[in-house]
N, C-alpha and C. Protein backbone atom coordinates (compact mmCIF):
# COMPACT_ATOMS: atom_id res chain seq x y z
N UNK A 1 94.94 23.70 -8.21
CA UNK A 1 93.54 23.98 -8.09
C UNK A 1 93.31 24.67 -6.77
N UNK A 2 92.65 25.86 -6.94
CA UNK A 2 92.26 26.60 -5.76
C UNK A 2 91.23 25.92 -4.91
N UNK A 3 91.16 26.19 -3.65
CA UNK A 3 90.26 25.49 -2.74
C UNK A 3 88.77 25.68 -3.09
N UNK A 4 88.38 26.84 -3.67
CA UNK A 4 87.12 27.10 -4.09
C UNK A 4 86.63 26.18 -5.27
N UNK A 5 87.65 26.04 -6.21
CA UNK A 5 87.31 25.20 -7.36
C UNK A 5 87.07 23.76 -6.99
N UNK A 6 87.79 23.24 -6.08
CA UNK A 6 87.69 21.94 -5.54
C UNK A 6 86.24 21.82 -4.83
N UNK A 7 85.90 22.83 -4.10
CA UNK A 7 84.62 22.80 -3.47
C UNK A 7 83.46 22.94 -4.49
N UNK A 8 83.67 23.64 -5.58
CA UNK A 8 82.72 23.70 -6.67
C UNK A 8 82.42 22.38 -7.32
N UNK A 9 83.51 21.60 -7.45
CA UNK A 9 83.33 20.25 -7.99
C UNK A 9 82.57 19.40 -7.01
N UNK A 10 82.95 19.56 -5.76
CA UNK A 10 82.17 18.82 -4.70
C UNK A 10 80.63 19.15 -4.74
N UNK A 11 80.39 20.48 -4.96
CA UNK A 11 79.05 21.02 -4.98
C UNK A 11 78.40 20.39 -6.25
N UNK A 12 79.00 20.34 -7.29
CA UNK A 12 78.37 19.82 -8.53
C UNK A 12 77.96 18.34 -8.28
N UNK A 13 78.92 17.62 -7.69
CA UNK A 13 78.69 16.23 -7.43
C UNK A 13 77.51 16.02 -6.41
N UNK A 14 77.45 16.83 -5.43
CA UNK A 14 76.32 16.80 -4.44
C UNK A 14 74.99 17.20 -5.16
N UNK A 15 75.01 18.14 -6.00
CA UNK A 15 73.80 18.48 -6.75
C UNK A 15 73.36 17.33 -7.65
N UNK A 16 74.29 16.73 -8.30
CA UNK A 16 73.92 15.49 -9.16
C UNK A 16 73.29 14.47 -8.34
N UNK A 17 73.89 14.17 -7.11
CA UNK A 17 73.32 13.16 -6.24
C UNK A 17 71.96 13.51 -5.81
N UNK A 18 71.75 14.82 -5.53
CA UNK A 18 70.41 15.34 -5.05
C UNK A 18 69.43 15.20 -6.13
N UNK A 19 69.81 15.56 -7.38
CA UNK A 19 68.96 15.45 -8.51
C UNK A 19 68.60 13.98 -8.76
N UNK A 20 69.50 13.06 -8.65
CA UNK A 20 69.22 11.65 -8.77
C UNK A 20 68.25 11.18 -7.67
N UNK A 21 68.41 11.67 -6.57
CA UNK A 21 67.52 11.20 -5.38
C UNK A 21 66.12 11.85 -5.65
N UNK A 22 66.06 12.95 -6.19
CA UNK A 22 64.72 13.63 -6.51
C UNK A 22 64.04 12.83 -7.62
N UNK A 23 64.78 12.34 -8.59
CA UNK A 23 64.18 11.66 -9.66
C UNK A 23 63.77 10.25 -9.13
N UNK A 24 64.47 9.65 -8.26
CA UNK A 24 64.12 8.36 -7.61
C UNK A 24 62.79 8.53 -6.80
N UNK A 25 62.73 9.71 -6.09
CA UNK A 25 61.52 9.91 -5.30
C UNK A 25 60.32 10.03 -6.24
N UNK A 26 60.45 10.80 -7.29
CA UNK A 26 59.24 10.98 -8.26
C UNK A 26 58.91 9.66 -8.89
N UNK A 27 59.82 8.86 -9.14
CA UNK A 27 59.57 7.47 -9.74
C UNK A 27 58.82 6.61 -8.63
N UNK A 28 59.31 6.64 -7.49
CA UNK A 28 58.68 5.82 -6.38
C UNK A 28 57.27 6.40 -6.13
N UNK A 29 57.06 7.70 -6.18
CA UNK A 29 55.70 8.20 -5.95
C UNK A 29 54.78 7.80 -7.08
N UNK A 30 55.33 7.74 -8.33
CA UNK A 30 54.52 7.37 -9.46
C UNK A 30 54.16 5.80 -9.31
N UNK A 31 55.02 5.06 -8.84
CA UNK A 31 54.80 3.63 -8.67
C UNK A 31 53.66 3.39 -7.60
N UNK A 32 53.77 4.22 -6.51
CA UNK A 32 52.73 4.12 -5.49
C UNK A 32 51.39 4.55 -6.16
N UNK A 33 51.38 5.58 -6.78
CA UNK A 33 50.07 5.99 -7.47
C UNK A 33 49.45 4.90 -8.32
N UNK A 34 50.34 4.28 -9.12
CA UNK A 34 49.82 3.20 -9.96
C UNK A 34 49.28 2.01 -9.14
N UNK A 35 50.06 1.66 -8.16
CA UNK A 35 49.63 0.55 -7.27
C UNK A 35 48.33 0.90 -6.52
N UNK A 36 48.15 2.15 -6.11
CA UNK A 36 46.92 2.58 -5.32
C UNK A 36 45.71 2.54 -6.43
N UNK A 37 46.07 2.95 -7.63
CA UNK A 37 44.99 2.91 -8.69
C UNK A 37 44.58 1.51 -8.91
N UNK A 38 45.52 0.57 -9.05
CA UNK A 38 45.25 -0.85 -9.20
C UNK A 38 44.44 -1.37 -8.03
N UNK A 39 44.79 -1.04 -6.87
CA UNK A 39 44.13 -1.51 -5.67
C UNK A 39 42.67 -1.02 -5.66
N UNK A 40 42.54 0.24 -5.98
CA UNK A 40 41.14 0.77 -6.08
C UNK A 40 40.24 0.07 -7.11
N UNK A 41 40.91 -0.17 -8.28
CA UNK A 41 40.19 -1.02 -9.32
C UNK A 41 39.79 -2.38 -8.89
N UNK A 42 40.75 -3.06 -8.23
CA UNK A 42 40.36 -4.43 -7.69
C UNK A 42 39.17 -4.29 -6.60
N UNK A 43 39.34 -3.29 -5.75
CA UNK A 43 38.24 -3.13 -4.72
C UNK A 43 36.99 -2.87 -5.42
N UNK A 44 36.89 -1.99 -6.34
CA UNK A 44 35.72 -1.67 -7.10
C UNK A 44 35.27 -2.85 -7.84
N UNK A 45 36.09 -3.60 -8.48
CA UNK A 45 35.68 -4.84 -9.18
C UNK A 45 35.04 -5.77 -8.15
N UNK A 46 35.62 -5.95 -6.95
CA UNK A 46 35.10 -6.75 -6.00
C UNK A 46 33.57 -6.37 -5.57
N UNK A 47 33.43 -5.09 -5.42
CA UNK A 47 32.12 -4.55 -5.05
C UNK A 47 31.09 -4.90 -6.21
N UNK A 48 31.54 -4.63 -7.50
CA UNK A 48 30.68 -4.88 -8.66
C UNK A 48 30.31 -6.29 -8.73
N UNK A 49 31.41 -7.11 -8.47
CA UNK A 49 31.15 -8.61 -8.52
C UNK A 49 30.25 -9.08 -7.51
N UNK A 50 30.34 -8.55 -6.27
CA UNK A 50 29.32 -8.92 -5.23
C UNK A 50 27.90 -8.52 -5.66
N UNK A 51 27.79 -7.30 -6.25
CA UNK A 51 26.38 -6.90 -6.65
C UNK A 51 25.85 -7.84 -7.75
N UNK A 52 26.69 -8.13 -8.76
CA UNK A 52 26.29 -8.99 -9.86
C UNK A 52 25.90 -10.45 -9.31
N UNK A 53 26.75 -10.87 -8.39
CA UNK A 53 26.52 -12.17 -7.81
C UNK A 53 25.21 -12.27 -7.16
N UNK A 54 24.84 -11.29 -6.29
CA UNK A 54 23.66 -11.16 -5.53
C UNK A 54 22.51 -11.23 -6.43
N UNK A 55 22.48 -10.42 -7.58
CA UNK A 55 21.38 -10.39 -8.55
C UNK A 55 21.21 -11.81 -9.25
N UNK A 56 22.44 -12.39 -9.63
CA UNK A 56 22.38 -13.60 -10.36
C UNK A 56 21.95 -14.77 -9.44
N UNK A 57 22.34 -14.77 -8.17
CA UNK A 57 22.02 -15.83 -7.29
C UNK A 57 20.46 -15.85 -7.02
N UNK A 58 19.89 -14.73 -7.05
CA UNK A 58 18.46 -14.72 -6.84
C UNK A 58 17.68 -15.46 -7.95
N UNK A 59 18.16 -15.35 -9.10
CA UNK A 59 17.47 -15.98 -10.27
C UNK A 59 17.93 -17.47 -10.44
N UNK A 60 19.14 -17.75 -10.24
CA UNK A 60 19.61 -19.07 -10.53
C UNK A 60 20.66 -19.54 -9.52
N UNK A 61 20.43 -19.73 -8.32
CA UNK A 61 21.41 -20.03 -7.26
C UNK A 61 21.41 -21.51 -7.11
N UNK A 62 22.62 -22.04 -7.35
CA UNK A 62 22.90 -23.47 -7.10
C UNK A 62 24.07 -23.60 -6.17
N UNK A 63 24.17 -24.81 -5.51
CA UNK A 63 25.35 -24.95 -4.63
C UNK A 63 26.72 -24.91 -5.40
N UNK A 64 26.69 -25.43 -6.60
CA UNK A 64 27.90 -25.35 -7.46
C UNK A 64 28.31 -23.92 -7.83
N UNK A 65 27.29 -23.07 -8.15
CA UNK A 65 27.47 -21.76 -8.45
C UNK A 65 28.02 -20.99 -7.14
N UNK A 66 27.43 -21.28 -6.09
CA UNK A 66 27.85 -20.66 -4.77
C UNK A 66 29.33 -20.91 -4.51
N UNK A 67 29.65 -22.21 -4.66
CA UNK A 67 31.05 -22.63 -4.41
C UNK A 67 32.02 -21.87 -5.41
N UNK A 68 31.65 -21.74 -6.64
CA UNK A 68 32.51 -21.03 -7.72
C UNK A 68 32.66 -19.63 -7.23
N UNK A 69 31.47 -18.98 -6.83
CA UNK A 69 31.43 -17.59 -6.39
C UNK A 69 32.43 -17.50 -5.28
N UNK A 70 32.34 -18.29 -4.25
CA UNK A 70 33.21 -18.20 -3.09
C UNK A 70 34.67 -18.37 -3.33
N UNK A 71 34.91 -19.29 -4.25
CA UNK A 71 36.32 -19.56 -4.59
C UNK A 71 36.96 -18.41 -5.33
N UNK A 72 36.19 -17.83 -6.38
CA UNK A 72 36.67 -16.68 -7.03
C UNK A 72 36.81 -15.52 -6.09
N UNK A 73 35.83 -15.32 -5.19
CA UNK A 73 35.81 -14.26 -4.18
C UNK A 73 37.11 -14.28 -3.36
N UNK A 74 37.44 -15.51 -2.91
CA UNK A 74 38.63 -15.69 -2.08
C UNK A 74 39.97 -15.29 -2.88
N UNK A 75 39.96 -15.72 -4.12
CA UNK A 75 41.17 -15.29 -4.98
C UNK A 75 41.21 -13.84 -5.19
N UNK A 76 40.08 -13.30 -5.39
CA UNK A 76 39.93 -11.75 -5.53
C UNK A 76 40.39 -11.00 -4.28
N UNK A 77 39.92 -11.59 -3.11
CA UNK A 77 40.31 -10.99 -1.84
C UNK A 77 41.91 -11.10 -1.62
N UNK A 78 42.46 -12.26 -2.05
CA UNK A 78 43.88 -12.42 -1.90
C UNK A 78 44.59 -11.46 -2.80
N UNK A 79 44.06 -11.15 -4.04
CA UNK A 79 44.71 -10.22 -4.98
C UNK A 79 44.69 -8.93 -4.36
N UNK A 80 43.58 -8.56 -3.81
CA UNK A 80 43.32 -7.25 -3.12
C UNK A 80 44.36 -7.05 -2.00
N UNK A 81 44.47 -8.11 -1.14
CA UNK A 81 45.42 -8.10 -0.03
C UNK A 81 46.84 -7.93 -0.47
N UNK A 82 47.20 -8.68 -1.59
CA UNK A 82 48.58 -8.56 -2.15
C UNK A 82 48.90 -7.17 -2.60
N UNK A 83 47.84 -6.58 -3.22
CA UNK A 83 47.99 -5.24 -3.87
C UNK A 83 48.14 -4.25 -2.76
N UNK A 84 47.37 -4.40 -1.68
CA UNK A 84 47.51 -3.49 -0.61
C UNK A 84 48.94 -3.64 0.11
N UNK A 85 49.44 -4.76 0.19
CA UNK A 85 50.67 -4.99 0.65
C UNK A 85 51.80 -4.36 -0.25
N UNK A 86 51.63 -4.40 -1.58
CA UNK A 86 52.46 -3.75 -2.47
C UNK A 86 52.44 -2.24 -2.36
N UNK A 87 51.18 -1.72 -2.09
CA UNK A 87 51.08 -0.25 -1.89
C UNK A 87 51.84 0.10 -0.63
N UNK A 88 51.77 -0.63 0.45
CA UNK A 88 52.47 -0.39 1.68
C UNK A 88 54.03 -0.35 1.46
N UNK A 89 54.41 -1.45 0.77
CA UNK A 89 55.80 -1.60 0.43
C UNK A 89 56.35 -0.46 -0.35
N UNK A 90 55.60 -0.03 -1.40
CA UNK A 90 56.00 1.09 -2.19
C UNK A 90 55.96 2.37 -1.40
N UNK A 91 55.01 2.48 -0.42
CA UNK A 91 54.91 3.66 0.41
C UNK A 91 56.22 3.82 1.33
N UNK A 92 56.65 2.59 1.73
CA UNK A 92 57.98 2.60 2.49
C UNK A 92 59.17 3.10 1.61
N UNK A 93 59.02 2.63 0.31
CA UNK A 93 60.08 3.00 -0.65
C UNK A 93 60.06 4.47 -0.82
N UNK A 94 58.93 5.07 -0.88
CA UNK A 94 58.84 6.51 -1.04
C UNK A 94 59.33 7.25 0.16
N UNK A 95 59.09 6.68 1.30
CA UNK A 95 59.62 7.39 2.56
C UNK A 95 61.14 7.35 2.55
N UNK A 96 61.72 6.13 2.20
CA UNK A 96 63.14 6.08 2.12
C UNK A 96 63.80 6.99 1.10
N UNK A 97 63.09 7.13 -0.07
CA UNK A 97 63.58 8.06 -1.06
C UNK A 97 63.43 9.39 -0.61
N UNK A 98 62.37 9.82 0.10
CA UNK A 98 62.24 11.15 0.53
C UNK A 98 63.37 11.49 1.61
N UNK A 99 63.55 10.55 2.42
CA UNK A 99 64.67 10.69 3.48
C UNK A 99 66.00 10.92 2.76
N UNK A 100 66.32 10.13 1.75
CA UNK A 100 67.55 10.26 1.03
C UNK A 100 67.62 11.60 0.35
N UNK A 101 66.58 12.00 -0.25
CA UNK A 101 66.45 13.31 -0.87
C UNK A 101 66.81 14.45 0.15
N UNK A 102 66.21 14.28 1.27
CA UNK A 102 66.41 15.36 2.32
C UNK A 102 67.87 15.38 2.74
N UNK A 103 68.38 14.15 2.91
CA UNK A 103 69.88 14.10 3.19
C UNK A 103 70.80 14.73 2.17
N UNK A 104 70.48 14.41 0.83
CA UNK A 104 71.16 15.01 -0.23
C UNK A 104 71.00 16.56 -0.28
N UNK A 105 69.83 17.01 -0.02
CA UNK A 105 69.62 18.43 -0.04
C UNK A 105 70.39 19.09 1.16
N UNK A 106 70.46 18.47 2.23
CA UNK A 106 71.33 19.02 3.30
C UNK A 106 72.77 19.07 3.01
N UNK A 107 73.21 18.06 2.24
CA UNK A 107 74.63 18.00 1.85
C UNK A 107 74.94 19.11 0.93
N UNK A 108 73.97 19.30 -0.06
CA UNK A 108 74.24 20.49 -1.04
C UNK A 108 74.26 21.80 -0.15
N UNK A 109 73.32 21.99 0.69
CA UNK A 109 73.30 23.20 1.50
C UNK A 109 74.62 23.39 2.31
N UNK A 110 75.10 22.14 2.80
CA UNK A 110 76.32 22.28 3.76
C UNK A 110 77.51 22.70 2.82
N UNK A 111 77.59 22.19 1.66
CA UNK A 111 78.69 22.52 0.68
C UNK A 111 78.63 23.94 0.32
N UNK A 112 77.38 24.34 -0.02
CA UNK A 112 77.24 25.75 -0.36
C UNK A 112 77.70 26.65 0.74
N UNK A 113 77.30 26.30 2.00
CA UNK A 113 77.66 27.09 3.20
C UNK A 113 79.27 27.07 3.33
N UNK A 114 79.81 25.90 3.07
CA UNK A 114 81.30 25.76 3.23
C UNK A 114 82.04 26.74 2.18
N UNK A 115 81.39 26.71 0.93
CA UNK A 115 81.98 27.55 -0.14
C UNK A 115 81.83 29.03 0.36
N UNK A 116 80.64 29.40 0.86
CA UNK A 116 80.41 30.77 1.31
C UNK A 116 81.43 31.21 2.41
N UNK A 117 81.64 30.24 3.33
CA UNK A 117 82.61 30.66 4.42
C UNK A 117 84.06 30.69 3.77
N UNK A 118 84.41 29.79 2.92
CA UNK A 118 85.77 29.95 2.34
C UNK A 118 85.97 31.19 1.56
N UNK A 119 84.93 31.52 0.84
CA UNK A 119 84.98 32.83 0.07
C UNK A 119 85.11 33.99 0.98
N UNK A 120 84.42 33.96 2.07
CA UNK A 120 84.46 35.04 3.09
C UNK A 120 85.89 35.04 3.71
N UNK A 121 86.46 33.84 3.97
CA UNK A 121 87.79 33.82 4.55
C UNK A 121 88.78 34.40 3.59
N UNK A 122 88.64 34.04 2.34
CA UNK A 122 89.62 34.48 1.30
C UNK A 122 89.49 36.02 1.20
N UNK A 123 88.24 36.55 1.19
CA UNK A 123 88.00 38.02 1.21
C UNK A 123 88.64 38.76 2.39
N UNK A 124 88.47 38.16 3.56
CA UNK A 124 89.09 38.69 4.71
C UNK A 124 90.65 38.75 4.53
N UNK A 125 91.24 37.58 4.17
CA UNK A 125 92.67 37.52 3.95
C UNK A 125 93.14 38.57 2.89
N UNK A 126 92.42 38.72 1.88
CA UNK A 126 92.73 39.71 0.83
C UNK A 126 92.67 41.11 1.43
N UNK A 127 91.52 41.38 2.24
CA UNK A 127 91.47 42.72 2.88
C UNK A 127 92.58 42.96 3.79
N UNK A 128 92.96 41.93 4.58
CA UNK A 128 94.04 42.15 5.56
C UNK A 128 95.40 42.32 4.73
N UNK A 129 95.66 41.56 3.58
CA UNK A 129 96.76 41.78 2.90
C UNK A 129 96.85 43.15 2.23
N UNK A 130 95.70 43.64 1.79
CA UNK A 130 95.60 45.04 1.20
C UNK A 130 95.81 46.14 2.28
N UNK A 131 95.23 45.81 3.50
CA UNK A 131 95.42 46.78 4.58
C UNK A 131 96.87 46.90 4.99
N UNK A 132 97.53 45.66 5.00
CA UNK A 132 98.97 45.67 5.47
C UNK A 132 99.78 46.36 4.47
N UNK A 133 99.46 46.19 3.19
CA UNK A 133 100.29 46.80 2.05
C UNK A 133 100.02 48.36 2.11
N UNK A 134 98.78 48.66 2.36
CA UNK A 134 98.49 50.16 2.50
C UNK A 134 99.26 50.76 3.69
N UNK A 135 99.22 49.99 4.89
CA UNK A 135 99.99 50.58 5.96
C UNK A 135 101.42 50.64 5.76
N UNK A 136 102.04 49.64 5.05
CA UNK A 136 103.46 49.69 4.78
C UNK A 136 103.72 50.84 3.75
N UNK A 137 102.86 51.01 2.82
CA UNK A 137 103.15 52.15 1.90
C UNK A 137 103.04 53.45 2.57
N UNK A 138 102.09 53.64 3.45
CA UNK A 138 102.00 54.77 4.22
C UNK A 138 103.17 55.03 5.11
N UNK A 139 103.72 54.02 5.71
CA UNK A 139 104.90 54.13 6.59
C UNK A 139 106.06 54.61 5.71
N UNK A 140 106.19 54.05 4.54
CA UNK A 140 107.31 54.44 3.67
C UNK A 140 107.20 55.86 3.19
N UNK A 141 105.92 56.23 2.87
CA UNK A 141 105.72 57.61 2.45
C UNK A 141 105.98 58.59 3.61
N UNK A 142 105.60 58.29 4.80
CA UNK A 142 105.79 59.20 5.96
C UNK A 142 107.31 59.25 6.20
N UNK A 143 108.03 58.12 6.08
CA UNK A 143 109.49 58.08 6.30
C UNK A 143 110.23 58.91 5.30
N UNK A 144 109.73 59.01 4.06
CA UNK A 144 110.46 59.84 3.14
C UNK A 144 110.10 61.34 3.24
N UNK A 145 109.01 61.64 3.85
CA UNK A 145 108.63 63.01 4.02
C UNK A 145 109.12 63.63 5.36
N UNK A 146 109.38 62.82 6.32
CA UNK A 146 109.84 63.36 7.61
C UNK A 146 111.26 63.70 7.52
N UNK A 147 111.68 64.81 8.13
CA UNK A 147 113.07 65.12 8.11
C UNK A 147 113.90 64.18 8.95
N UNK A 148 115.03 63.84 8.50
CA UNK A 148 115.93 62.97 9.34
C UNK A 148 116.46 63.75 10.46
N UNK A 149 116.58 63.12 11.62
CA UNK A 149 117.20 63.80 12.80
C UNK A 149 118.67 64.07 12.53
N UNK A 150 119.04 65.34 12.96
CA UNK A 150 120.38 65.71 12.79
C UNK A 150 121.29 64.97 13.76
N UNK A 151 122.35 64.47 13.23
CA UNK A 151 123.34 63.73 14.23
C UNK A 151 124.27 64.71 14.74
N UNK A 152 124.72 64.44 15.87
CA UNK A 152 125.75 65.28 16.48
C UNK A 152 127.07 64.93 15.84
N UNK A 153 127.49 65.78 14.91
CA UNK A 153 128.74 65.63 14.21
C UNK A 153 129.94 65.73 15.17
N UNK A 154 129.80 66.54 16.19
CA UNK A 154 130.92 66.78 17.07
C UNK A 154 131.14 65.45 17.84
N UNK A 155 130.03 64.79 18.17
CA UNK A 155 130.19 63.56 19.01
C UNK A 155 130.83 62.47 18.20
N UNK A 156 130.67 62.55 16.89
CA UNK A 156 131.27 61.40 16.10
C UNK A 156 132.81 61.61 15.91
N UNK A 157 133.28 62.86 16.02
CA UNK A 157 134.73 63.12 15.81
C UNK A 157 135.56 62.93 17.13
N UNK A 158 135.05 62.58 17.99
CA UNK A 158 135.77 62.59 19.27
C UNK A 158 136.70 61.70 19.62
């Protein structure tokens, strides 16, 4: 397996991990949105409940009814508080998912950069090899065209 093919496999894996992190982020954001919506509904219900209670208490206010209203209001406040805690926890989850996605995107970019560098190195090696072959071919061609120096035949018989 050539080195670029191995890096391509690594890139595909990094892209899959990035895509999974992106999906996890979208899912976490959707969960936060639902939790925020539910928190807003609870808070709106709390306001509506207070308004209804105020109108009803004016016409038929008894201590028992006041106690029931306070008890239900406390449970409603507890539910609102729990929902706000859930929203914060899910917000933290979104932040962690966003951080992970950023890390995965950086990894994809790093692998792509590595592939680019390796391809450039391979091109440079191929260019050098081609240049060396061209130079050697030129030297051979020059050697066959140049006249051979005459040897002193008299010096050889001596």
